[in-house]
Amino acid sequence: MSTVYEAVARFPDPAELRLHLRALAALDAAMAADPQFCLYTFGAGWGPGEEAALMDNGSGDDFSAVFSPAGVLVRGFDHESAMSPYGRDDEEVWPGVVDEVPDALRPLLDDAAFLDPGLGVPRVTVCLWRETGDTAWRAGSAIDFPPGHGSPDGSGCLFHLLTDRSPETVRAHFEDYYERPVPLDAVCHVLAGRPMTPAITAALRPAGVR
């Protein structure tokens, strides 16, 4: 079973996570003919001193990673998860998922961008966080996951490019999504944080590709 506890053990430190998410957004933007089809985006100015990395697959699954002076909060939502508020009689977040989010990071979770306007609760099936100065990622300590699911909270699918950050895995993802070959050396270049040169841009989206 793949859950948030596996993700917690495999997430990089916040600085590396930020750079990796920026690289995924840069790769996506370079390969997409139309920005509306990008899955990954990264934006500064989310709030005072805040940046946000977002992933939305357009099919009801999404995650956010908000970087703030108080720390980082990662929230994910898998619309098919048995832990979705929409599938519960009380329409509440699954017990234990967000109960222990520190007060300093709670506003990042309760941002209107991540709330269901009808239910008034966060759209969340998985959550992890790391306060500034902490040495490890945290998640709810006593989540009772529903049985019979390979990834009951959706973490295995949502975070697969965050827990396995190898260039080969990233390339395979974008080749599958854009249905065309993607040069590994260009992926390595961007993941290393190097500048997006015209040559790298041309390699990621050759002339004539729509």
N, C-alpha and C. Protein backbone atom coordinates (compact mmCIF):
# COMPACT_ATOMS: atom_id res chain seq x y z
N MET A 1 0.83 -1.20 0.00
CA MET A 1 0.00 0.00 0.00
C MET A 1 0.87 1.26 0.00
N SER A 2 0.58 2.18 -0.89
CA SER A 2 1.30 3.45 -0.97
C SER A 2 0.46 4.54 -0.33
N THR A 3 1.00 5.18 0.70
CA THR A 3 0.26 6.23 1.41
C THR A 3 1.17 7.42 1.67
N VAL A 4 0.63 8.42 2.33
CA VAL A 4 1.40 9.61 2.67
C VAL A 4 2.63 9.27 3.50
N TYR A 5 2.59 8.17 4.25
CA TYR A 5 3.75 7.81 5.07
C TYR A 5 4.94 7.42 4.21
N GLU A 6 4.69 6.82 3.07
CA GLU A 6 5.78 6.52 2.13
C GLU A 6 6.28 7.81 1.50
N ALA A 7 5.36 8.71 1.16
CA ALA A 7 5.76 10.00 0.58
C ALA A 7 6.63 10.79 1.55
N VAL A 8 6.24 10.82 2.81
CA VAL A 8 7.01 11.55 3.83
C VAL A 8 8.45 11.08 3.86
N ALA A 9 8.66 9.79 3.71
CA ALA A 9 10.00 9.22 3.77
C ALA A 9 10.82 9.52 2.52
N ARG A 10 10.15 9.83 1.40
CA ARG A 10 10.86 9.97 0.12
C ARG A 10 10.90 11.40 -0.41
N PHE A 11 10.20 12.33 0.26
CA PHE A 11 10.25 13.72 -0.19
C PHE A 11 11.64 14.30 0.09
N PRO A 12 12.13 15.18 -0.79
CA PRO A 12 13.41 15.84 -0.55
C PRO A 12 13.23 17.01 0.43
N ASP A 13 14.32 17.65 0.80
CA ASP A 13 14.19 18.81 1.67
C ASP A 13 13.49 19.93 0.90
N PRO A 14 12.92 20.91 1.59
CA PRO A 14 12.10 21.94 0.93
C PRO A 14 12.81 22.67 -0.20
N ALA A 15 14.10 22.98 -0.03
CA ALA A 15 14.82 23.70 -1.09
C ALA A 15 14.91 22.86 -2.36
N GLU A 16 15.21 21.57 -2.20
CA GLU A 16 15.29 20.68 -3.36
C GLU A 16 13.91 20.48 -3.97
N LEU A 17 12.88 20.37 -3.14
CA LEU A 17 11.52 20.21 -3.65
C LEU A 17 11.12 21.43 -4.48
N ARG A 18 11.41 22.60 -3.99
CA ARG A 18 11.08 23.84 -4.71
C ARG A 18 11.75 23.86 -6.07
N LEU A 19 13.05 23.56 -6.13
CA LEU A 19 13.77 23.56 -7.39
C LEU A 19 13.21 22.52 -8.35
N HIS A 20 12.86 21.35 -7.83
CA HIS A 20 12.33 20.29 -8.68
C HIS A 20 10.97 20.69 -9.25
N LEU A 21 10.12 21.28 -8.44
CA LEU A 21 8.81 21.70 -8.92
C LEU A 21 8.92 22.82 -9.94
N ARG A 22 9.86 23.73 -9.73
CA ARG A 22 10.10 24.78 -10.73
C ARG A 22 10.57 24.16 -12.05
N ALA A 23 11.40 23.13 -11.96
CA ALA A 23 11.89 22.47 -13.17
C ALA A 23 10.76 21.75 -13.90
N LEU A 24 9.88 21.07 -13.17
CA LEU A 24 8.75 20.40 -13.81
C LEU A 24 7.86 21.41 -14.54
N ALA A 25 7.63 22.56 -13.90
CA ALA A 25 6.82 23.59 -14.53
C ALA A 25 7.51 24.15 -15.78
N ALA A 26 8.83 24.32 -15.71
CA ALA A 26 9.57 24.83 -16.86
C ALA A 26 9.54 23.83 -18.01
N LEU A 27 9.71 22.55 -17.71
CA LEU A 27 9.64 21.52 -18.74
C LEU A 27 8.25 21.50 -19.39
N ASP A 28 7.23 21.54 -18.58
CA ASP A 28 5.87 21.51 -19.09
C ASP A 28 5.60 22.72 -19.99
N ALA A 29 6.01 23.89 -19.53
CA ALA A 29 5.78 25.11 -20.32
C ALA A 29 6.52 25.07 -21.64
N ALA A 30 7.73 24.50 -21.64
CA ALA A 30 8.51 24.43 -22.87
C ALA A 30 7.90 23.45 -23.87
N MET A 31 7.27 22.40 -23.38
CA MET A 31 6.75 21.37 -24.28
C MET A 31 5.33 21.63 -24.76
N ALA A 32 4.59 22.43 -24.02
CA ALA A 32 3.18 22.64 -24.34
C ALA A 32 3.02 23.67 -25.45
N ALA A 33 2.21 23.35 -26.43
CA ALA A 33 1.89 24.33 -27.47
C ALA A 33 0.92 25.37 -26.94
N ASP A 34 0.13 25.00 -25.94
CA ASP A 34 -0.86 25.89 -25.34
C ASP A 34 -0.72 25.78 -23.82
N PRO A 35 -0.48 26.90 -23.12
CA PRO A 35 -0.29 26.85 -21.67
C PRO A 35 -1.43 26.20 -20.90
N GLN A 36 -2.65 26.23 -21.46
CA GLN A 36 -3.78 25.65 -20.73
C GLN A 36 -3.66 24.14 -20.58
N PHE A 37 -2.77 23.52 -21.34
CA PHE A 37 -2.61 22.08 -21.25
C PHE A 37 -1.47 21.66 -20.33
N CYS A 38 -0.80 22.64 -19.71
CA CYS A 38 0.26 22.31 -18.75
C CYS A 38 -0.34 21.71 -17.49
N LEU A 39 0.26 20.63 -17.01
CA LEU A 39 -0.17 20.05 -15.73
C LEU A 39 0.51 20.76 -14.57
N TYR A 40 1.77 21.13 -14.76
CA TYR A 40 2.56 21.71 -13.67
C TYR A 40 2.78 23.21 -13.90
N THR A 41 2.53 24.00 -12.88
CA THR A 41 2.81 25.43 -12.92
C THR A 41 3.48 25.84 -11.61
N PHE A 42 4.19 26.95 -11.65
CA PHE A 42 4.85 27.47 -10.46
C PHE A 42 4.74 28.97 -10.49
N GLY A 43 4.30 29.55 -9.36
CA GLY A 43 4.11 30.99 -9.33
C GLY A 43 4.61 31.64 -8.06
N ALA A 44 5.30 32.76 -8.22
CA ALA A 44 5.68 33.58 -7.07
C ALA A 44 4.52 34.51 -6.75
N GLY A 45 4.55 35.09 -5.57
CA GLY A 45 3.51 36.04 -5.22
C GLY A 45 2.18 35.41 -4.90
N TRP A 46 2.19 34.16 -4.46
CA TRP A 46 0.93 33.51 -4.07
C TRP A 46 0.30 34.26 -2.90
N GLY A 47 1.15 34.68 -1.97
CA GLY A 47 0.75 35.49 -0.82
C GLY A 47 1.99 36.21 -0.34
N PRO A 48 1.91 36.97 0.72
CA PRO A 48 3.10 37.66 1.22
C PRO A 48 4.25 36.69 1.51
N GLY A 49 5.30 36.80 0.73
CA GLY A 49 6.45 35.93 0.91
C GLY A 49 6.21 34.49 0.53
N GLU A 50 5.15 34.22 -0.22
CA GLU A 50 4.76 32.84 -0.55
C GLU A 50 4.92 32.55 -2.04
N GLU A 51 5.22 31.29 -2.34
CA GLU A 51 5.23 30.77 -3.69
C GLU A 51 4.40 29.49 -3.70
N ALA A 52 3.82 29.16 -4.84
CA ALA A 52 2.99 27.96 -4.92
C ALA A 52 3.29 27.18 -6.18
N ALA A 53 3.49 25.89 -6.03
CA ALA A 53 3.58 24.96 -7.16
C ALA A 53 2.26 24.21 -7.23
N LEU A 54 1.71 24.12 -8.43
CA LEU A 54 0.40 23.50 -8.60
C LEU A 54 0.48 22.43 -9.68
N MET A 55 -0.27 21.35 -9.47
CA MET A 55 -0.46 20.33 -10.48
C MET A 55 -1.95 20.06 -10.60
N ASP A 56 -2.45 20.09 -11.82
CA ASP A 56 -3.87 19.80 -12.07
C ASP A 56 -3.94 19.00 -13.37
N ASN A 57 -4.43 17.75 -13.28
CA ASN A 57 -4.45 16.91 -14.48
C ASN A 57 -5.70 17.11 -15.32
N GLY A 58 -6.57 18.02 -14.91
CA GLY A 58 -7.76 18.31 -15.69
C GLY A 58 -8.85 17.27 -15.57
N SER A 59 -8.62 16.23 -14.80
CA SER A 59 -9.60 15.16 -14.63
C SER A 59 -10.07 15.04 -13.19
N GLY A 60 -9.81 16.06 -12.39
CA GLY A 60 -10.29 16.06 -11.02
C GLY A 60 -9.25 15.77 -9.97
N ASP A 61 -8.00 15.57 -10.39
CA ASP A 61 -6.92 15.30 -9.44
C ASP A 61 -5.96 16.49 -9.45
N ASP A 62 -5.51 16.91 -8.28
CA ASP A 62 -4.61 18.05 -8.23
C ASP A 62 -3.81 18.03 -6.93
N PHE A 63 -2.71 18.80 -6.93
CA PHE A 63 -2.01 19.04 -5.67
C PHE A 63 -1.43 20.43 -5.67
N SER A 64 -1.13 20.91 -4.48
CA SER A 64 -0.46 22.20 -4.32
C SER A 64 0.66 22.03 -3.31
N ALA A 65 1.74 22.78 -3.53
CA ALA A 65 2.82 22.87 -2.56
C ALA A 65 3.08 24.35 -2.35
N VAL A 66 2.72 24.84 -1.19
CA VAL A 66 2.85 26.27 -0.90
C VAL A 66 4.06 26.48 0.01
N PHE A 67 4.96 27.33 -0.44
CA PHE A 67 6.19 27.64 0.28
C PHE A 67 6.02 29.00 0.95
N SER A 68 6.17 29.05 2.26
CA SER A 68 5.95 30.29 3.00
C SER A 68 7.07 30.45 4.03
N PRO A 69 7.18 31.64 4.63
CA PRO A 69 8.18 31.81 5.68
C PRO A 69 8.01 30.83 6.85
N ALA A 70 6.77 30.36 7.08
CA ALA A 70 6.51 29.43 8.18
C ALA A 70 6.85 27.99 7.83
N GLY A 71 7.02 27.70 6.54
CA GLY A 71 7.30 26.34 6.13
C GLY A 71 6.61 26.00 4.82
N VAL A 72 6.43 24.72 4.59
CA VAL A 72 5.83 24.22 3.35
C VAL A 72 4.66 23.31 3.68
N LEU A 73 3.56 23.49 2.96
CA LEU A 73 2.41 22.61 3.11
C LEU A 73 2.05 22.03 1.75
N VAL A 74 1.95 20.71 1.68
CA VAL A 74 1.59 20.02 0.45
C VAL A 74 0.23 19.37 0.64
N ARG A 75 -0.70 19.72 -0.25
CA ARG A 75 -2.07 19.20 -0.18
C ARG A 75 -2.39 18.53 -1.51
N GLY A 76 -2.95 17.33 -1.46
CA GLY A 76 -3.33 16.65 -2.68
C GLY A 76 -4.76 16.16 -2.62
N PHE A 77 -5.39 16.07 -3.81
CA PHE A 77 -6.75 15.58 -3.89
C PHE A 77 -6.88 14.60 -5.05
N ASP A 78 -7.30 13.38 -4.73
CA ASP A 78 -7.57 12.33 -5.71
C ASP A 78 -9.08 12.14 -5.75
N HIS A 79 -9.70 12.49 -6.88
CA HIS A 79 -11.17 12.48 -6.92
C HIS A 79 -11.76 11.08 -6.83
N GLU A 80 -10.95 10.04 -7.09
CA GLU A 80 -11.45 8.67 -6.99
C GLU A 80 -11.12 8.03 -5.64
N SER A 81 -10.45 8.76 -4.78
CA SER A 81 -10.04 8.21 -3.49
C SER A 81 -11.25 7.95 -2.60
N ALA A 82 -11.20 6.83 -1.89
CA ALA A 82 -12.24 6.52 -0.91
C ALA A 82 -12.19 7.49 0.26
N MET A 83 -11.12 8.29 0.34
CA MET A 83 -10.97 9.23 1.44
C MET A 83 -11.45 10.64 1.08
N SER A 84 -12.05 10.79 -0.09
CA SER A 84 -12.57 12.09 -0.51
C SER A 84 -13.74 12.53 0.36
N PRO A 85 -13.81 13.81 0.72
CA PRO A 85 -14.98 14.30 1.47
C PRO A 85 -16.29 14.06 0.73
N TYR A 86 -16.24 14.03 -0.60
CA TYR A 86 -17.46 13.85 -1.39
C TYR A 86 -18.05 12.45 -1.22
N GLY A 87 -17.23 11.49 -0.80
CA GLY A 87 -17.72 10.13 -0.64
C GLY A 87 -18.11 9.78 0.78
N ARG A 88 -18.03 10.76 1.69
CA ARG A 88 -18.34 10.51 3.09
C ARG A 88 -19.73 11.05 3.43
N ASP A 89 -20.42 10.35 4.30
CA ASP A 89 -21.76 10.78 4.70
C ASP A 89 -21.74 12.15 5.37
N ASP A 90 -20.66 12.42 6.15
CA ASP A 90 -20.58 13.70 6.84
C ASP A 90 -19.92 14.80 6.00
N GLU A 91 -19.44 14.43 4.79
CA GLU A 91 -18.81 15.38 3.86
C GLU A 91 -17.66 16.15 4.51
N GLU A 92 -16.92 15.47 5.38
CA GLU A 92 -15.77 16.08 6.05
C GLU A 92 -14.47 15.45 5.55
N VAL A 93 -13.37 16.13 5.79
CA VAL A 93 -12.06 15.57 5.46
C VAL A 93 -11.85 14.29 6.27
N TRP A 94 -11.21 13.31 5.64
CA TRP A 94 -10.95 12.02 6.30
C TRP A 94 -10.24 12.23 7.64
N PRO A 95 -10.70 11.57 8.70
CA PRO A 95 -10.09 11.77 10.03
C PRO A 95 -8.58 11.55 10.03
N GLY A 96 -7.88 12.47 10.64
CA GLY A 96 -6.44 12.35 10.81
C GLY A 96 -5.60 12.98 9.72
N VAL A 97 -6.20 13.27 8.56
CA VAL A 97 -5.41 13.76 7.43
C VAL A 97 -4.85 15.16 7.70
N VAL A 98 -5.68 16.04 8.26
CA VAL A 98 -5.22 17.43 8.47
C VAL A 98 -5.31 17.86 9.93
N ASP A 99 -5.70 16.96 10.81
CA ASP A 99 -5.93 17.35 12.21
C ASP A 99 -4.68 17.91 12.89
N GLU A 100 -3.51 17.45 12.47
CA GLU A 100 -2.28 17.86 13.13
C GLU A 100 -1.49 18.93 12.38
N VAL A 101 -2.08 19.49 11.33
CA VAL A 101 -1.38 20.58 10.62
C VAL A 101 -1.11 21.70 11.61
N PRO A 102 0.14 22.16 11.73
CA PRO A 102 0.47 23.20 12.71
C PRO A 102 -0.29 24.50 12.45
N ASP A 103 -0.56 25.23 13.51
CA ASP A 103 -1.30 26.48 13.39
C ASP A 103 -0.61 27.44 12.42
N ALA A 104 0.71 27.44 12.39
CA ALA A 104 1.45 28.36 11.53
C ALA A 104 1.23 28.07 10.05
N LEU A 105 0.89 26.80 9.73
CA LEU A 105 0.69 26.41 8.33
C LEU A 105 -0.77 26.25 7.96
N ARG A 106 -1.65 26.27 8.93
CA ARG A 106 -3.07 26.04 8.68
C ARG A 106 -3.67 27.02 7.66
N PRO A 107 -3.29 28.30 7.67
CA PRO A 107 -3.85 29.20 6.66
C PRO A 107 -3.54 28.78 5.22
N LEU A 108 -2.43 28.08 5.02
CA LEU A 108 -2.10 27.61 3.67
C LEU A 108 -3.07 26.54 3.22
N LEU A 109 -3.56 25.74 4.15
CA LEU A 109 -4.54 24.69 3.84
C LEU A 109 -5.92 25.28 3.63
N ASP A 110 -6.26 26.31 4.43
CA ASP A 110 -7.60 26.89 4.39
C ASP A 110 -7.75 27.99 3.35
N ASP A 111 -6.75 28.15 2.49
CA ASP A 111 -6.84 29.13 1.41
C ASP A 111 -8.09 28.84 0.57
N ALA A 112 -8.79 29.88 0.18
CA ALA A 112 -10.03 29.71 -0.58
C ALA A 112 -9.80 28.95 -1.89
N ALA A 113 -8.58 29.01 -2.43
CA ALA A 113 -8.29 28.31 -3.68
C ALA A 113 -8.41 26.80 -3.53
N PHE A 114 -8.31 26.29 -2.30
CA PHE A 114 -8.31 24.85 -2.08
C PHE A 114 -9.56 24.36 -1.35
N LEU A 115 -10.51 25.25 -1.12
CA LEU A 115 -11.74 24.88 -0.42
C LEU A 115 -12.85 24.56 -1.41
N ASP A 116 -13.66 23.58 -1.06
CA ASP A 116 -14.89 23.35 -1.82
C ASP A 116 -15.91 24.39 -1.36
N PRO A 117 -16.41 25.23 -2.26
CA PRO A 117 -17.31 26.30 -1.82
C PRO A 117 -18.63 25.81 -1.25
N GLY A 118 -19.06 24.62 -1.69
CA GLY A 118 -20.32 24.09 -1.18
C GLY A 118 -20.18 23.46 0.19
N LEU A 119 -19.09 22.68 0.37
CA LEU A 119 -18.88 21.98 1.64
C LEU A 119 -18.16 22.83 2.66
N GLY A 120 -17.37 23.79 2.20
CA GLY A 120 -16.59 24.62 3.13
C GLY A 120 -15.44 23.88 3.77
N VAL A 121 -14.96 22.82 3.15
CA VAL A 121 -13.81 22.05 3.67
C VAL A 121 -12.76 21.97 2.57
N PRO A 122 -11.49 21.76 2.95
CA PRO A 122 -10.43 21.64 1.94
C PRO A 122 -10.66 20.43 1.03
N ARG A 123 -10.34 20.61 -0.25
CA ARG A 123 -10.35 19.49 -1.18
C ARG A 123 -9.04 18.74 -0.96
N VAL A 124 -9.08 17.75 -0.08
CA VAL A 124 -7.84 17.09 0.30
C VAL A 124 -8.09 15.63 0.64
N THR A 125 -7.23 14.76 0.11
CA THR A 125 -7.22 13.36 0.52
C THR A 125 -5.86 12.98 1.11
N VAL A 126 -4.86 13.86 0.89
CA VAL A 126 -3.51 13.61 1.41
C VAL A 126 -2.86 14.94 1.73
N CYS A 127 -2.11 14.96 2.83
CA CYS A 127 -1.48 16.21 3.27
C CYS A 127 -0.20 15.90 4.03
N LEU A 128 0.84 16.68 3.74
CA LEU A 128 2.08 16.60 4.50
C LEU A 128 2.68 17.99 4.60
N TRP A 129 3.55 18.19 5.56
CA TRP A 129 4.06 19.54 5.82
C TRP A 129 5.43 19.48 6.47
N ARG A 130 6.09 20.64 6.43
CA ARG A 130 7.39 20.76 7.10
C ARG A 130 7.57 22.22 7.52
N GLU A 131 7.58 22.43 8.81
CA GLU A 131 7.76 23.78 9.32
C GLU A 131 9.21 24.22 9.15
N THR A 132 9.42 25.52 9.01
CA THR A 132 10.76 26.06 8.92
C THR A 132 11.56 25.68 10.17
N GLY A 133 12.74 25.14 9.96
CA GLY A 133 13.58 24.71 11.08
C GLY A 133 13.40 23.25 11.45
N ASP A 134 12.33 22.61 10.94
CA ASP A 134 12.14 21.18 11.22
C ASP A 134 13.11 20.38 10.36
N THR A 135 13.36 19.16 10.76
CA THR A 135 14.32 18.32 10.05
C THR A 135 13.67 17.19 9.28
N ALA A 136 12.34 17.14 9.28
CA ALA A 136 11.64 16.05 8.59
C ALA A 136 10.26 16.50 8.16
N TRP A 137 9.73 15.82 7.15
CA TRP A 137 8.34 16.03 6.75
C TRP A 137 7.42 15.33 7.74
N ARG A 138 6.22 15.88 7.91
CA ARG A 138 5.25 15.33 8.84
C ARG A 138 3.92 15.06 8.13
N ALA A 139 3.16 14.16 8.70
CA ALA A 139 1.80 13.88 8.26
C ALA A 139 1.01 13.45 9.49
N GLY A 140 -0.30 13.36 9.35
CA GLY A 140 -1.12 12.89 10.46
C GLY A 140 -0.60 11.58 11.00
N SER A 141 -0.50 11.47 12.30
CA SER A 141 0.18 10.32 12.91
C SER A 141 -0.69 9.08 13.06
N ALA A 142 -1.99 9.23 12.91
CA ALA A 142 -2.88 8.08 13.19
C ALA A 142 -3.99 8.00 12.16
N ILE A 143 -3.62 8.00 10.88
CA ILE A 143 -4.64 7.91 9.82
C ILE A 143 -5.03 6.44 9.64
N ASP A 144 -6.31 6.17 9.70
CA ASP A 144 -6.84 4.81 9.50
C ASP A 144 -7.28 4.70 8.04
N PHE A 145 -6.39 4.19 7.21
CA PHE A 145 -6.67 4.14 5.77
C PHE A 145 -7.71 3.06 5.45
N PRO A 146 -8.59 3.34 4.50
CA PRO A 146 -9.57 2.33 4.09
C PRO A 146 -8.85 1.16 3.42
N PRO A 147 -9.26 -0.06 3.67
CA PRO A 147 -8.59 -1.23 3.07
C PRO A 147 -8.98 -1.42 1.61
N GLY A 148 -8.21 -2.24 0.94
CA GLY A 148 -8.57 -2.63 -0.42
C GLY A 148 -8.16 -1.65 -1.49
N HIS A 149 -7.24 -0.74 -1.17
CA HIS A 149 -6.80 0.25 -2.15
C HIS A 149 -5.27 0.29 -2.18
N GLY A 150 -4.70 0.31 -3.38
CA GLY A 150 -3.25 0.36 -3.50
C GLY A 150 -2.67 1.68 -3.01
N SER A 151 -3.40 2.76 -3.25
CA SER A 151 -2.99 4.08 -2.78
C SER A 151 -4.25 4.81 -2.33
N PRO A 152 -4.72 4.51 -1.13
CA PRO A 152 -6.04 5.00 -0.71
C PRO A 152 -6.16 6.52 -0.65
N ASP A 153 -5.05 7.22 -0.40
CA ASP A 153 -5.14 8.68 -0.32
C ASP A 153 -4.72 9.36 -1.62
N GLY A 154 -4.33 8.58 -2.63
CA GLY A 154 -3.94 9.13 -3.92
C GLY A 154 -2.50 9.57 -4.00
N SER A 155 -1.74 9.42 -2.93
CA SER A 155 -0.37 9.92 -2.91
C SER A 155 0.52 9.25 -3.94
N GLY A 156 0.30 7.96 -4.19
CA GLY A 156 1.14 7.23 -5.13
C GLY A 156 1.10 7.82 -6.52
N CYS A 157 -0.08 8.22 -6.97
CA CYS A 157 -0.24 8.80 -8.31
C CYS A 157 0.10 10.29 -8.30
N LEU A 158 -0.42 11.02 -7.34
CA LEU A 158 -0.26 12.47 -7.31
C LEU A 158 1.20 12.88 -7.20
N PHE A 159 1.97 12.17 -6.38
CA PHE A 159 3.33 12.60 -6.05
C PHE A 159 4.41 11.77 -6.72
N HIS A 160 4.06 11.04 -7.77
CA HIS A 160 5.05 10.10 -8.31
C HIS A 160 6.29 10.79 -8.88
N LEU A 161 6.16 12.04 -9.35
CA LEU A 161 7.34 12.75 -9.84
C LEU A 161 8.06 13.51 -8.73
N LEU A 162 7.53 13.44 -7.52
CA LEU A 162 8.19 14.07 -6.38
C LEU A 162 8.93 13.04 -5.54
N THR A 163 8.41 11.83 -5.51
CA THR A 163 9.08 10.78 -4.75
C THR A 163 10.12 10.04 -5.60
N ASP A 164 9.94 10.03 -6.92
CA ASP A 164 10.95 9.51 -7.84
C ASP A 164 11.30 10.65 -8.79
N ARG A 165 12.40 11.31 -8.51
CA ARG A 165 12.76 12.52 -9.25
C ARG A 165 13.82 12.27 -10.32
N SER A 166 14.03 11.02 -10.68
CA SER A 166 15.07 10.69 -11.66
C SER A 166 14.70 11.27 -13.04
N PRO A 167 15.69 11.70 -13.81
CA PRO A 167 15.41 12.20 -15.15
C PRO A 167 14.67 11.19 -16.02
N GLU A 168 14.97 9.93 -15.84
CA GLU A 168 14.30 8.90 -16.65
C GLU A 168 12.81 8.84 -16.35
N THR A 169 12.45 8.95 -15.07
CA THR A 169 11.03 8.93 -14.70
C THR A 169 10.32 10.18 -15.19
N VAL A 170 10.99 11.31 -15.06
CA VAL A 170 10.39 12.57 -15.53
C VAL A 170 10.21 12.53 -17.05
N ARG A 171 11.22 12.05 -17.77
CA ARG A 171 11.08 11.95 -19.22
C ARG A 171 9.93 11.03 -19.61
N ALA A 172 9.83 9.88 -18.95
CA ALA A 172 8.76 8.93 -19.28
C ALA A 172 7.40 9.56 -19.07
N HIS A 173 7.26 10.36 -18.01
CA HIS A 173 5.99 11.04 -17.76
C HIS A 173 5.63 11.97 -18.91
N PHE A 174 6.57 12.81 -19.33
CA PHE A 174 6.26 13.79 -20.36
C PHE A 174 6.12 13.14 -21.74
N GLU A 175 6.85 12.06 -21.99
CA GLU A 175 6.65 11.35 -23.25
C GLU A 175 5.25 10.75 -23.31
N ASP A 176 4.78 10.22 -22.20
CA ASP A 176 3.43 9.66 -22.16
C ASP A 176 2.39 10.75 -22.32
N TYR A 177 2.60 11.88 -21.66
CA TYR A 177 1.60 12.96 -21.70
C TYR A 177 1.54 13.64 -23.07
N TYR A 178 2.70 13.94 -23.63
CA TYR A 178 2.73 14.65 -24.92
C TYR A 178 2.80 13.73 -26.13
N GLU A 179 2.93 12.43 -25.87
CA GLU A 179 2.90 11.41 -26.93
C GLU A 179 3.94 11.69 -28.02
N ARG A 180 5.16 11.99 -27.57
CA ARG A 180 6.27 12.18 -28.51
C ARG A 180 7.58 11.97 -27.74
N PRO A 181 8.66 11.66 -28.44
CA PRO A 181 9.94 11.48 -27.76
C PRO A 181 10.41 12.77 -27.09
N VAL A 182 11.05 12.63 -25.96
CA VAL A 182 11.61 13.77 -25.22
C VAL A 182 13.08 13.45 -24.96
N PRO A 183 14.01 14.32 -25.37
CA PRO A 183 15.43 14.02 -25.19
C PRO A 183 15.84 14.05 -23.72
N LEU A 184 16.51 13.00 -23.29
CA LEU A 184 16.90 12.89 -21.90
C LEU A 184 17.88 13.99 -21.50
N ASP A 185 18.79 14.36 -22.39
CA ASP A 185 19.78 15.38 -22.03
C ASP A 185 19.12 16.72 -21.76
N ALA A 186 18.04 17.03 -22.47
CA ALA A 186 17.32 18.28 -22.22
C ALA A 186 16.61 18.23 -20.87
N VAL A 187 16.05 17.09 -20.53
CA VAL A 187 15.40 16.93 -19.23
C VAL A 187 16.42 17.08 -18.12
N CYS A 188 17.57 16.45 -18.27
CA CYS A 188 18.63 16.56 -17.26
C CYS A 188 19.07 18.02 -17.09
N HIS A 189 19.18 18.73 -18.19
CA HIS A 189 19.59 20.13 -18.18
C HIS A 189 18.64 20.96 -17.32
N VAL A 190 17.36 20.79 -17.54
CA VAL A 190 16.36 21.59 -16.81
C VAL A 190 16.28 21.15 -15.35
N LEU A 191 16.30 19.85 -15.10
CA LEU A 191 16.22 19.37 -13.72
C LEU A 191 17.43 19.82 -12.89
N ALA A 192 18.54 20.07 -13.55
CA ALA A 192 19.75 20.54 -12.85
C ALA A 192 19.68 22.02 -12.52
N GLY A 193 18.60 22.69 -12.97
CA GLY A 193 18.43 24.11 -12.66
C GLY A 193 19.17 25.04 -13.60
N ARG A 194 19.61 24.51 -14.75
CA ARG A 194 20.32 25.35 -15.70
C ARG A 194 19.33 26.20 -16.51
N PRO A 195 19.80 27.28 -17.12
CA PRO A 195 18.90 28.18 -17.87
C PRO A 195 18.23 27.48 -19.06
N MET A 196 17.02 27.93 -19.35
CA MET A 196 16.28 27.40 -20.50
C MET A 196 16.74 28.14 -21.75
N THR A 197 17.71 27.57 -22.45
CA THR A 197 18.28 28.20 -23.63
C THR A 197 17.41 27.92 -24.86
N PRO A 198 17.60 28.70 -25.93
CA PRO A 198 16.85 28.41 -27.17
C PRO A 198 17.07 26.98 -27.67
N ALA A 199 18.29 26.47 -27.52
CA ALA A 199 18.57 25.12 -27.99
C ALA A 199 17.79 24.08 -27.19
N ILE A 200 17.72 24.27 -25.87
CA ILE A 200 16.97 23.33 -25.04
C ILE A 200 15.48 23.44 -25.33
N THR A 201 14.99 24.66 -25.52
CA THR A 201 13.57 24.84 -25.85
C THR A 201 13.23 24.15 -27.16
N ALA A 202 14.11 24.31 -28.16
CA ALA A 202 13.88 23.68 -29.46
C ALA A 202 13.92 22.16 -29.38
N ALA A 203 14.77 21.64 -28.49
CA ALA A 203 14.85 20.19 -28.32
C ALA A 203 13.59 19.64 -27.66
N LEU A 204 13.02 20.41 -26.74
CA LEU A 204 11.83 19.95 -26.03
C LEU A 204 10.56 20.09 -26.87
N ARG A 205 10.53 21.10 -27.75
CA ARG A 205 9.38 21.25 -28.65
C ARG A 205 9.90 21.60 -30.04
N PRO A 206 10.23 20.57 -30.81
CA PRO A 206 10.78 20.81 -32.15
C PRO A 206 9.83 21.60 -33.04
N ALA A 207 10.36 22.26 -34.01
CA ALA A 207 9.56 23.02 -34.96
C ALA A 207 8.50 22.12 -35.61
N GLY A 208 7.31 22.63 -35.71
CA GLY A 208 6.22 21.88 -36.35
C GLY A 208 5.40 21.06 -35.39
N VAL A 209 5.87 20.90 -34.15
CA VAL A 209 5.11 20.14 -33.17
C VAL A 209 3.97 21.00 -32.63
N ARG A 210 2.78 20.45 -32.61
CA ARG A 210 1.60 21.17 -32.11
C ARG A 210 1.14 20.55 -30.81
